[in-house]
């Protein structure tokens, strides 16, 4: 699924993450949040050669209490932003994700559904960049890319993350025409106090607050579904699954997968990861069955 900064499909959202309680209200969320819901749905059901008829997409969005006019407006904006392509399906208007963004969504799938943490014996990726004064505006773009992918700052102009993130960040910098200003280094941290350094390089408190907010929003949802018992074909399961994925997908970008050994013992992120996976595994089959009743096999 869910971009890095080149496409808002999988990046941290600028708007507050939607919560399950808000799904009960008409006119749900901001215009940007509605676009996020559509991207989530299309990333699940309109990849590659698959497309979704506009009428069917509107029906699916109705489970989120999104009105037709708002849905059509959000679709138009996503098309203008180059995230959706218009096409035809069964004689009617339809959309699908732009195939040029498939690698972005594949990375999103990996980050969201196959979360991994580095281990203490893995190396670190250091990033430095140099931009001529005449093009100083590019410095902000490079910092935006690195920050949106969870890089920490060792010092002014020197960024750090687990080395496993190298291929993805390099590809995004190349996509945005910024790679020529950036140097990458594979390194070891020569200190026995890596944990304390990690706390200096990353704002762990801010990240923990985001994870705590996710748990506060979706912990009760998991409890509700667990008490309810087996989940069948249920429009509410579809709605909660879309809300879950949309709220979660920014977090695996802001968190670079730091080794758990260097994190606080009660790190919110680990509990949030378990919550996400438990609720995703519970809701995903029922959500897919509901989507099939609207979209067909």
C-alpha atoms as a PDB file:
ATOM      1  CA  UNK A   1       0.000   0.000   0.000  1.00  0.00           C
ATOM      2  CA  UNK A   2       0.284   3.252   1.545  1.00  0.00           C
ATOM      3  CA  UNK A   3       4.498   7.439  -0.096  1.00  0.00           C
ATOM      4  CA  UNK A   4       7.079   8.680   0.955  1.00  0.00           C
ATOM      5  CA  UNK A   5       6.922  12.308   0.225  1.00  0.00           C
ATOM      6  CA  UNK A   6       6.671  11.974  -3.540  1.00  0.00           C
ATOM      7  CA  UNK A   7       3.167  10.567  -3.285  1.00  0.00           C
ATOM      8  CA  UNK A   8       0.881  10.970  -0.308  1.00  0.00           C
ATOM      9  CA  UNK A   9      -0.287   7.437  -0.732  1.00  0.00           C
ATOM     10  CA  UNK A  10       1.935   5.999   1.964  1.00  0.00           C
ATOM     11  CA  UNK A  11       3.525   8.905   3.739  1.00  0.00           C
ATOM     12  CA  UNK A  12       2.733  10.245   7.134  1.00  0.00           C
ATOM     13  CA  UNK A  13      -0.498  12.148   6.833  1.00  0.00           C
ATOM     14  CA  UNK A  14      -0.572  15.891   7.281  1.00  0.00           C
ATOM     15  CA  UNK A  15      -4.042  15.688   8.799  1.00  0.00           C
ATOM     16  CA  UNK A  16      -4.770  13.994  12.127  1.00  0.00           C
ATOM     17  CA  UNK A  17      -5.301  10.271  11.719  1.00  0.00           C
ATOM     18  CA  UNK A  18      -8.976   9.304  11.475  1.00  0.00           C
ATOM     19  CA  UNK A  19     -10.364   7.289  14.372  1.00  0.00           C
ATOM     20  CA  UNK A  20     -13.109   4.688  14.560  1.00  0.00           C
ATOM     21  CA  UNK A  21     -15.394   6.978  16.543  1.00  0.00           C
ATOM     22  CA  UNK A  22     -15.378   9.541  13.744  1.00  0.00           C
ATOM     23  CA  UNK A  23     -16.782   6.965  11.316  1.00  0.00           C
ATOM     24  CA  UNK A  24     -20.175   7.351  12.935  1.00  0.00           C
ATOM     25  CA  UNK A  25     -20.451  10.964  11.868  1.00  0.00           C
ATOM     26  CA  UNK A  26     -21.536  12.266   8.449  1.00  0.00           C
ATOM     27  CA  UNK A  27     -19.097  14.436   6.474  1.00  0.00           C
ATOM     28  CA  UNK A  28     -16.246  12.383   7.902  1.00  0.00           C
ATOM     29  CA  UNK A  29     -12.869  14.085   8.189  1.00  0.00           C
ATOM     30  CA  UNK A  30     -11.184  16.644   6.002  1.00  0.00           C
ATOM     31  CA  UNK A  31     -10.863  16.544   2.240  1.00  0.00           C
ATOM     32  CA  UNK A  32      -7.350  15.159   2.613  1.00  0.00           C
ATOM     33  CA  UNK A  33      -8.593  12.390   4.907  1.00  0.00           C
ATOM     34  CA  UNK A  34     -11.218  11.378   2.371  1.00  0.00           C
ATOM     35  CA  UNK A  35      -8.444  11.111  -0.204  1.00  0.00           C
ATOM     36  CA  UNK A  36      -6.532   8.901   2.217  1.00  0.00           C
ATOM     37  CA  UNK A  37      -9.513   6.570   2.566  1.00  0.00           C
ATOM     38  CA  UNK A  38      -9.783   6.287  -1.217  1.00  0.00           C
ATOM     39  CA  UNK A  39      -6.079   5.553  -1.571  1.00  0.00           C
ATOM     40  CA  UNK A  40      -6.361   2.850   1.088  1.00  0.00           C
ATOM     41  CA  UNK A  41      -9.277   1.212  -0.728  1.00  0.00           C
ATOM     42  CA  UNK A  42      -7.611   1.456  -4.133  1.00  0.00           C
ATOM     43  CA  UNK A  43      -4.334   0.098  -2.760  1.00  0.00           C
ATOM     44  CA  UNK A  44      -6.263  -2.961  -1.609  1.00  0.00           C
ATOM     45  CA  UNK A  45      -8.536  -3.471  -4.618  1.00  0.00           C
ATOM     46  CA  UNK A  46      -7.349  -1.400  -7.611  1.00  0.00           C
ATOM     47  CA  UNK A  47      -3.714  -2.270  -8.239  1.00  0.00           C
ATOM     48  CA  UNK A  48      -2.097  -3.226 -11.531  1.00  0.00           C
ATOM     49  CA  UNK A  49      -4.747  -3.974 -14.135  1.00  0.00           C
ATOM     50  CA  UNK A  50      -7.586  -3.859 -11.619  1.00  0.00           C
ATOM     51  CA  UNK A  51      -9.851  -0.843 -11.423  1.00  0.00           C
ATOM     52  CA  UNK A  52     -12.879   0.193  -9.376  1.00  0.00           C
ATOM     53  CA  UNK A  53     -16.027   1.631 -10.898  1.00  0.00           C
ATOM     54  CA  UNK A  54     -16.857   5.024  -9.435  1.00  0.00           C
ATOM     55  CA  UNK A  55     -20.321   3.828  -8.445  1.00  0.00           C
ATOM     56  CA  UNK A  56     -18.828   0.870  -6.535  1.00  0.00           C
ATOM     57  CA  UNK A  57     -16.240   3.032  -4.836  1.00  0.00           C
ATOM     58  CA  UNK A  58     -18.980   5.393  -3.670  1.00  0.00           C
ATOM     59  CA  UNK A  59     -20.879   2.411  -2.248  1.00  0.00           C
ATOM     60  CA  UNK A  60     -17.801   1.306  -0.313  1.00  0.00           C
ATOM     61  CA  UNK A  61     -17.225   4.820   1.002  1.00  0.00           C
ATOM     62  CA  UNK A  62     -20.804   4.903   2.256  1.00  0.00           C
ATOM     63  CA  UNK A  63     -19.713   2.457   4.988  1.00  0.00           C
ATOM     64  CA  UNK A  64     -17.516   5.331   6.224  1.00  0.00           C
ATOM     65  CA  UNK A  65     -20.452   7.757   6.046  1.00  0.00           C
ATOM     66  CA  UNK A  66     -18.850   9.628   3.155  1.00  0.00           C
ATOM     67  CA  UNK A  67     -21.390  11.419   0.981  1.00  0.00           C
ATOM     68  CA  UNK A  68     -21.317  11.016  -2.798  1.00  0.00           C
ATOM     69  CA  UNK A  69     -20.459  14.657  -3.568  1.00  0.00           C
ATOM     70  CA  UNK A  70     -17.492  14.585  -1.187  1.00  0.00           C
ATOM     71  CA  UNK A  71     -16.321  11.273  -2.649  1.00  0.00           C
ATOM     72  CA  UNK A  72     -16.418  12.579  -6.215  1.00  0.00           C
ATOM     73  CA  UNK A  73     -14.542  15.725  -5.202  1.00  0.00           C
ATOM     74  CA  UNK A  74     -11.816  13.670  -3.508  1.00  0.00           C
ATOM     75  CA  UNK A  75     -11.516  11.403  -6.574  1.00  0.00           C
ATOM     76  CA  UNK A  76     -11.066  14.429  -8.806  1.00  0.00           C
ATOM     77  CA  UNK A  77      -8.297  15.773  -6.595  1.00  0.00           C
ATOM     78  CA  UNK A  78      -6.481  12.434  -6.541  1.00  0.00           C
ATOM     79  CA  UNK A  79      -6.619  12.328 -10.332  1.00  0.00           C
ATOM     80  CA  UNK A  80      -5.166  15.840 -10.562  1.00  0.00           C
ATOM     81  CA  UNK A  81      -2.383  14.821  -8.177  1.00  0.00           C
ATOM     82  CA  UNK A  82      -1.452  11.914 -10.446  1.00  0.00           C
ATOM     83  CA  UNK A  83      -2.297   9.192  -7.940  1.00  0.00           C
ATOM     84  CA  UNK A  84      -5.375   7.828  -9.737  1.00  0.00           C
ATOM     85  CA  UNK A  85      -5.898   7.209 -13.439  1.00  0.00           C
ATOM     86  CA  UNK A  86      -9.367   7.336 -14.945  1.00  0.00           C
ATOM     87  CA  UNK A  87     -10.500   4.361 -17.014  1.00  0.00           C
ATOM     88  CA  UNK A  88     -13.684   2.472 -17.908  1.00  0.00           C
ATOM     89  CA  UNK A  89     -15.199  -0.613 -16.288  1.00  0.00           C
ATOM     90  CA  UNK A  90     -18.420  -2.338 -17.346  1.00  0.00           C
ATOM     91  CA  UNK A  91     -19.326   0.656 -19.477  1.00  0.00           C
ATOM     92  CA  UNK A  92     -18.946   3.185 -16.665  1.00  0.00           C
ATOM     93  CA  UNK A  93     -16.330   5.527 -15.228  1.00  0.00           C
ATOM     94  CA  UNK A  94     -13.679   3.877 -13.080  1.00  0.00           C
ATOM     95  CA  UNK A  95     -10.325   4.570 -11.436  1.00  0.00           C
ATOM     96  CA  UNK A  96      -7.168   2.691 -10.662  1.00  0.00           C
ATOM     97  CA  UNK A  97      -3.886   3.603  -9.028  1.00  0.00           C
ATOM     98  CA  UNK A  98      -1.284   4.992 -11.410  1.00  0.00           C
ATOM     99  CA  UNK A  99       0.947   1.996 -12.324  1.00  0.00           C
ATOM    100  CA  UNK A 100       3.968   4.294 -12.184  1.00  0.00           C
ATOM    101  CA  UNK A 101       3.514   4.375  -8.397  1.00  0.00           C
ATOM    102  CA  UNK A 102       3.476   0.594  -7.984  1.00  0.00           C
ATOM    103  CA  UNK A 103       6.940   0.507  -6.415  1.00  0.00           C
ATOM    104  CA  UNK A 104       5.771   3.108  -3.882  1.00  0.00           C
ATOM    105  CA  UNK A 105       2.817   0.951  -2.902  1.00  0.00           C
ATOM    106  CA  UNK A 106       4.918  -2.210  -2.829  1.00  0.00           C
ATOM    107  CA  UNK A 107       7.176  -0.509  -0.316  1.00  0.00           C
ATOM    108  CA  UNK A 108       4.097   0.508   1.624  1.00  0.00           C
ATOM    109  CA  UNK A 109       2.932  -3.113   1.700  1.00  0.00           C
ATOM    110  CA  UNK A 110       6.303  -4.146   3.060  1.00  0.00           C
ATOM    111  CA  UNK A 111       6.375  -1.482   5.758  1.00  0.00           C
ATOM    112  CA  UNK A 112       2.776  -1.940   6.851  1.00  0.00           C
ATOM    113  CA  UNK A 113       2.312  -5.697   6.721  1.00  0.00           C
ATOM    114  CA  UNK A 114       5.868  -6.961   7.256  1.00  0.00           C
ATOM    115  CA  UNK A 115       7.137  -4.658   9.990  1.00  0.00           C
ATOM    116  CA  UNK A 116      10.661  -5.502  11.075  1.00  0.00           C
ATOM    117  CA  UNK A 117      13.085  -4.080  13.580  1.00  0.00           C
ATOM    118  CA  UNK A 118      16.821  -3.885  13.127  1.00  0.00           C
ATOM    119  CA  UNK A 119      19.067  -5.841  15.462  1.00  0.00           C
ATOM    120  CA  UNK A 120      22.008  -4.413  17.425  1.00  0.00           C
ATOM    121  CA  UNK A 121      24.533  -6.167  15.174  1.00  0.00           C
ATOM    122  CA  UNK A 122      23.241  -4.479  12.007  1.00  0.00           C
ATOM    123  CA  UNK A 123      25.032  -1.490  10.573  1.00  0.00           C
ATOM    124  CA  UNK A 124      23.718   2.065  10.372  1.00  0.00           C
ATOM    125  CA  UNK A 125      23.058   4.244   7.343  1.00  0.00           C
ATOM    126  CA  UNK A 126      24.481   7.760   7.498  1.00  0.00           C
ATOM    127  CA  UNK A 127      23.285  10.401   5.055  1.00  0.00           C
ATOM    128  CA  UNK A 128      24.874  13.768   4.334  1.00  0.00           C
ATOM    129  CA  UNK A 129      24.017  16.227   1.598  1.00  0.00           C
ATOM    130  CA  UNK A 130      25.482  19.308   0.006  1.00  0.00           C
ATOM    131  CA  UNK A 131      23.339  21.696  -2.039  1.00  0.00           C
ATOM    132  CA  UNK A 132      24.634  24.860  -3.778  1.00  0.00           C
ATOM    133  CA  UNK A 133      23.373  28.111  -2.309  1.00  0.00           C
ATOM    134  CA  UNK A 134      21.624  28.926  -5.559  1.00  0.00           C
ATOM    135  CA  UNK A 135      19.428  25.852  -5.077  1.00  0.00           C
ATOM    136  CA  UNK A 136      19.035  26.033  -1.341  1.00  0.00           C
ATOM    137  CA  UNK A 137      15.295  25.279  -1.590  1.00  0.00           C
ATOM    138  CA  UNK A 138      16.295  21.683  -2.345  1.00  0.00           C
ATOM    139  CA  UNK A 139      17.717  21.346   1.163  1.00  0.00           C
ATOM    140  CA  UNK A 140      14.225  21.496   2.590  1.00  0.00           C
ATOM    141  CA  UNK A 141      13.052  18.829   0.138  1.00  0.00           C
ATOM    142  CA  UNK A 142      15.873  16.484   1.132  1.00  0.00           C
ATOM    143  CA  UNK A 143      15.222  17.038   4.836  1.00  0.00           C
ATOM    144  CA  UNK A 144      11.526  16.385   4.230  1.00  0.00           C
ATOM    145  CA  UNK A 145      12.266  13.048   2.554  1.00  0.00           C
ATOM    146  CA  UNK A 146      14.608  11.955   5.355  1.00  0.00           C
ATOM    147  CA  UNK A 147      12.290  13.062   8.157  1.00  0.00           C
ATOM    148  CA  UNK A 148       9.281  11.382   6.552  1.00  0.00           C
ATOM    149  CA  UNK A 149      11.237   8.116   6.579  1.00  0.00           C
ATOM    150  CA  UNK A 150      12.143   8.279  10.229  1.00  0.00           C
ATOM    151  CA  UNK A 151      15.771   9.349   9.994  1.00  0.00           C
ATOM    152  CA  UNK A 152      17.294  10.758  13.148  1.00  0.00           C
ATOM    153  CA  UNK A 153      19.827  13.585  13.289  1.00  0.00           C
ATOM    154  CA  UNK A 154      23.308  12.972  14.672  1.00  0.00           C
ATOM    155  CA  UNK A 155      24.362  16.570  14.033  1.00  0.00           C
ATOM    156  CA  UNK A 156      23.455  19.394  11.675  1.00  0.00           C
ATOM    157  CA  UNK A 157      23.457  17.922   8.178  1.00  0.00           C
ATOM    158  CA  UNK A 158      24.139  14.330   9.286  1.00  0.00           C
ATOM    159  CA  UNK A 159      21.204  11.911   9.366  1.00  0.00           C
ATOM    160  CA  UNK A 160      21.030   8.317  10.578  1.00  0.00           C
ATOM    161  CA  UNK A 161      18.768   5.264  10.274  1.00  0.00           C
ATOM    162  CA  UNK A 162      19.140   1.483  10.232  1.00  0.00           C
ATOM    163  CA  UNK A 163      20.973   0.455   7.079  1.00  0.00           C
ATOM    164  CA  UNK A 164      18.051  -1.681   5.875  1.00  0.00           C
ATOM    165  CA  UNK A 165      16.292   1.502   4.726  1.00  0.00           C
ATOM    166  CA  UNK A 166      18.952   2.372   2.152  1.00  0.00           C
ATOM    167  CA  UNK A 167      17.337   1.045  -1.036  1.00  0.00           C
ATOM    168  CA  UNK A 168      13.967   2.695  -0.426  1.00  0.00           C
ATOM    169  CA  UNK A 169      15.275   6.134   0.552  1.00  0.00           C
ATOM    170  CA  UNK A 170      17.718   6.181  -2.351  1.00  0.00           C
ATOM    171  CA  UNK A 171      14.942   5.275  -4.783  1.00  0.00           C
ATOM    172  CA  UNK A 172      12.757   8.093  -3.503  1.00  0.00           C
ATOM    173  CA  UNK A 173      15.558  10.642  -3.680  1.00  0.00           C
ATOM    174  CA  UNK A 174      16.206   9.531  -7.257  1.00  0.00           C
ATOM    175  CA  UNK A 175      12.504   9.808  -8.075  1.00  0.00           C
ATOM    176  CA  UNK A 176      12.506  13.405  -6.830  1.00  0.00           C
ATOM    177  CA  UNK A 177      15.777  14.284  -8.601  1.00  0.00           C
ATOM    178  CA  UNK A 178      17.645  14.790  -5.322  1.00  0.00           C
ATOM    179  CA  UNK A 179      20.023  11.814  -5.193  1.00  0.00           C
ATOM    180  CA  UNK A 180      22.867  13.721  -6.837  1.00  0.00           C
ATOM    181  CA  UNK A 181      23.173  15.980  -3.788  1.00  0.00           C
ATOM    182  CA  UNK A 182      23.279  13.141  -1.249  1.00  0.00           C
ATOM    183  CA  UNK A 183      26.056  10.850   0.014  1.00  0.00           C
ATOM    184  CA  UNK A 184      25.402   7.548   1.797  1.00  0.00           C
ATOM    185  CA  UNK A 185      27.666   5.799   4.282  1.00  0.00           C
ATOM    186  CA  UNK A 186      27.463   2.410   5.982  1.00  0.00           C
ATOM    187  CA  UNK A 187      28.736   2.712   9.537  1.00  0.00           C
ATOM    188  CA  UNK A 188      29.103   1.252  13.002  1.00  0.00           C
ATOM    189  CA  UNK A 189      28.498   3.341  16.111  1.00  0.00           C
ATOM    190  CA  UNK A 190      31.696   3.177  18.140  1.00  0.00           C
ATOM    191  CA  UNK A 191      30.236   3.479  21.624  1.00  0.00           C
ATOM    192  CA  UNK A 192      28.806   1.202  24.305  1.00  0.00           C
ATOM    193  CA  UNK A 193      26.015   3.706  24.974  1.00  0.00           C
ATOM    194  CA  UNK A 194      24.040   3.368  21.768  1.00  0.00           C
ATOM    195  CA  UNK A 195      20.732   3.395  23.638  1.00  0.00           C
ATOM    196  CA  UNK A 196      21.378   6.821  25.110  1.00  0.00           C
ATOM    197  CA  UNK A 197      22.562   8.102  21.728  1.00  0.00           C
ATOM    198  CA  UNK A 198      19.389   6.832  20.050  1.00  0.00           C
ATOM    199  CA  UNK A 199      17.360   8.850  22.557  1.00  0.00           C
ATOM    200  CA  UNK A 200      19.319  11.939  21.470  1.00  0.00           C
ATOM    201  CA  UNK A 201      19.106  11.309  17.722  1.00  0.00           C
ATOM    202  CA  UNK A 202      15.361  10.600  17.651  1.00  0.00           C
ATOM    203  CA  UNK A 203      12.441  12.286  19.374  1.00  0.00           C
ATOM    204  CA  UNK A 204      11.208   9.060  20.925  1.00  0.00           C
ATOM    205  CA  UNK A 205       8.688  10.874  23.124  1.00  0.00           C
ATOM    206  CA  UNK A 206       6.900  12.333  20.104  1.00  0.00           C
ATOM    207  CA  UNK A 207       6.862   8.953  18.369  1.00  0.00           C
ATOM    208  CA  UNK A 208       5.597   7.238  21.521  1.00  0.00           C
ATOM    209  CA  UNK A 209       2.781   9.784  21.708  1.00  0.00           C
ATOM    210  CA  UNK A 210       1.668   8.878  18.187  1.00  0.00           C
ATOM    211  CA  UNK A 211       1.705   5.185  19.052  1.00  0.00           C
ATOM    212  CA  UNK A 212      -0.220   5.850  22.265  1.00  0.00           C
ATOM    213  CA  UNK A 213      -2.839   7.743  20.290  1.00  0.00           C
ATOM    214  CA  UNK A 214      -3.185   4.812  17.911  1.00  0.00           C
ATOM    215  CA  UNK A 215      -3.635   2.398  20.809  1.00  0.00           C
ATOM    216  CA  UNK A 216      -6.193   4.652  22.464  1.00  0.00           C
ATOM    217  CA  UNK A 217      -8.207   4.810  19.242  1.00  0.00           C
ATOM    218  CA  UNK A 218      -8.061   1.175  18.172  1.00  0.00           C
ATOM    219  CA  UNK A 219      -7.657  -0.762  21.417  1.00  0.00           C
ATOM    220  CA  UNK A 220     -11.409  -0.444  22.095  1.00  0.00           C
ATOM    221  CA  UNK A 221     -12.134  -1.493  18.498  1.00  0.00           C
ATOM    222  CA  UNK A 222     -10.227  -4.750  18.983  1.00  0.00           C
ATOM    223  CA  UNK A 223     -12.045  -5.387  22.254  1.00  0.00           C
ATOM    224  CA  UNK A 224     -15.400  -4.752  20.591  1.00  0.00           C
ATOM    225  CA  UNK A 225     -14.736  -7.194  17.770  1.00  0.00           C
ATOM    226  CA  UNK A 226     -13.303  -9.821  20.111  1.00  0.00           C
ATOM    227  CA  UNK A 227     -16.416  -9.653  22.295  1.00  0.00           C
ATOM    228  CA  UNK A 228     -18.650  -9.834  19.238  1.00  0.00           C
ATOM    229  CA  UNK A 229     -17.256 -13.195  18.144  1.00  0.00           C
ATOM    230  CA  UNK A 230     -16.671 -14.525  14.596  1.00  0.00           C
ATOM    231  CA  UNK A 231     -16.752 -11.825  11.937  1.00  0.00           C
ATOM    232  CA  UNK A 232     -18.830 -12.501   8.832  1.00  0.00           C
ATOM    233  CA  UNK A 233     -19.501 -10.320   5.800  1.00  0.00           C
ATOM    234  CA  UNK A 234     -19.892  -7.041   7.618  1.00  0.00           C
ATOM    235  CA  UNK A 235     -19.830  -3.475   6.243  1.00  0.00           C
ATOM    236  CA  UNK A 236     -18.622  -2.263   9.652  1.00  0.00           C
ATOM    237  CA  UNK A 237     -15.658  -4.637   9.465  1.00  0.00           C
ATOM    238  CA  UNK A 238     -14.796  -3.078   6.100  1.00  0.00           C
ATOM    239  CA  UNK A 239     -15.111   0.445   7.499  1.00  0.00           C
ATOM    240  CA  UNK A 240     -13.011  -0.308  10.580  1.00  0.00           C
ATOM    241  CA  UNK A 241     -10.372  -2.031   8.432  1.00  0.00           C
ATOM    242  CA  UNK A 242     -10.052   1.013   6.157  1.00  0.00           C
ATOM    243  CA  UNK A 243      -9.798   3.288   9.200  1.00  0.00           C
ATOM    244  CA  UNK A 244      -7.194   0.988  10.743  1.00  0.00           C
ATOM    245  CA  UNK A 245      -4.956   0.888   7.680  1.00  0.00           C
ATOM    246  CA  UNK A 246      -5.288   4.611   7.029  1.00  0.00           C
ATOM    247  CA  UNK A 247      -4.372   5.510  10.613  1.00  0.00           C
ATOM    248  CA  UNK A 248      -1.523   3.015  10.844  1.00  0.00           C
ATOM    249  CA  UNK A 249       0.268   3.436   7.548  1.00  0.00           C
ATOM    250  CA  UNK A 250       2.097   6.648   8.460  1.00  0.00           C
ATOM    251  CA  UNK A 251       3.659   5.129  11.581  1.00  0.00           C
ATOM    252  CA  UNK A 252       5.966   2.561   9.915  1.00  0.00           C
ATOM    253  CA  UNK A 253       7.485   5.469   7.985  1.00  0.00           C
ATOM    254  CA  UNK A 254       8.071   7.708  11.002  1.00  0.00           C
ATOM    255  CA  UNK A 255       9.513   4.758  12.943  1.00  0.00           C
ATOM    256  CA  UNK A 256      12.610   3.452  11.104  1.00  0.00           C
ATOM    257  CA  UNK A 257      12.542   0.104  12.922  1.00  0.00           C
ATOM    258  CA  UNK A 258      15.068   0.860  15.635  1.00  0.00           C
ATOM    259  CA  UNK A 259      16.355  -2.183  17.558  1.00  0.00           C
ATOM    260  CA  UNK A 260      14.093  -2.902  20.523  1.00  0.00           C
ATOM    261  CA  UNK A 261      17.233  -3.227  22.690  1.00  0.00           C
ATOM    262  CA  UNK A 262      17.798   0.529  22.291  1.00  0.00           C
ATOM    263  CA  UNK A 263      14.211   1.529  23.088  1.00  0.00           C
ATOM    264  CA  UNK A 264      12.524   2.083  26.468  1.00  0.00           C
ATOM    265  CA  UNK A 265      11.381  -1.118  28.145  1.00  0.00           C
ATOM    266  CA  UNK A 266       7.711  -0.133  27.874  1.00  0.00           C
ATOM    267  CA  UNK A 267       8.022   1.188  24.322  1.00  0.00           C
ATOM    268  CA  UNK A 268       4.567   2.052  22.978  1.00  0.00           C
ATOM    269  CA  UNK A 269       5.507   1.063  19.454  1.00  0.00           C
ATOM    270  CA  UNK A 270       5.813  -2.643  20.220  1.00  0.00           C
ATOM    271  CA  UNK A 271       2.359  -2.804  21.788  1.00  0.00           C
ATOM    272  CA  UNK A 272       0.919  -0.759  18.920  1.00  0.00           C
ATOM    273  CA  UNK A 273       2.417  -3.163  16.367  1.00  0.00           C
ATOM    274  CA  UNK A 274       0.802  -6.124  18.118  1.00  0.00           C
ATOM    275  CA  UNK A 275      -2.530  -4.281  18.237  1.00  0.00           C
ATOM    276  CA  UNK A 276      -2.400  -3.436  14.540  1.00  0.00           C
ATOM    277  CA  UNK A 277      -1.586  -6.978  13.460  1.00  0.00           C
ATOM    278  CA  UNK A 278      -4.243  -8.523  15.714  1.00  0.00           C
ATOM    279  CA  UNK A 279      -6.975  -6.205  14.444  1.00  0.00           C
ATOM    280  CA  UNK A 280      -5.834  -6.475  10.819  1.00  0.00           C
ATOM    281  CA  UNK A 281      -5.899 -10.283  10.945  1.00  0.00           C
ATOM    282  CA  UNK A 282      -9.332 -10.195  12.555  1.00  0.00           C
ATOM    283  CA  UNK A 283     -10.949  -7.735  10.151  1.00  0.00           C
ATOM    284  CA  UNK A 284      -9.177  -8.380   6.850  1.00  0.00           C
ATOM    285  CA  UNK A 285     -11.116 -11.506   5.751  1.00  0.00           C
ATOM    286  CA  UNK A 286     -14.520  -9.975   6.548  1.00  0.00           C
ATOM    287  CA  UNK A 287     -13.539  -6.685   4.912  1.00  0.00           C
ATOM    288  CA  UNK A 288     -12.478  -8.537   1.755  1.00  0.00           C
ATOM    289  CA  UNK A 289     -15.773 -10.461   1.708  1.00  0.00           C
ATOM    290  CA  UNK A 290     -17.748  -7.235   1.969  1.00  0.00           C
ATOM    291  CA  UNK A 291     -15.675  -5.659  -0.811  1.00  0.00           C
ATOM    292  CA  UNK A 292     -16.392  -8.702  -2.977  1.00  0.00           C
ATOM    293  CA  UNK A 293     -20.141  -8.234  -2.536  1.00  0.00           C
ATOM    294  CA  UNK A 294     -19.747  -4.744  -4.022  1.00  0.00           C
ATOM    295  CA  UNK A 295     -16.935  -5.266  -6.534  1.00  0.00           C
ATOM    296  CA  UNK A 296     -17.551  -8.877  -7.510  1.00  0.00           C
ATOM    297  CA  UNK A 297     -14.930 -11.655  -7.374  1.00  0.00           C
END
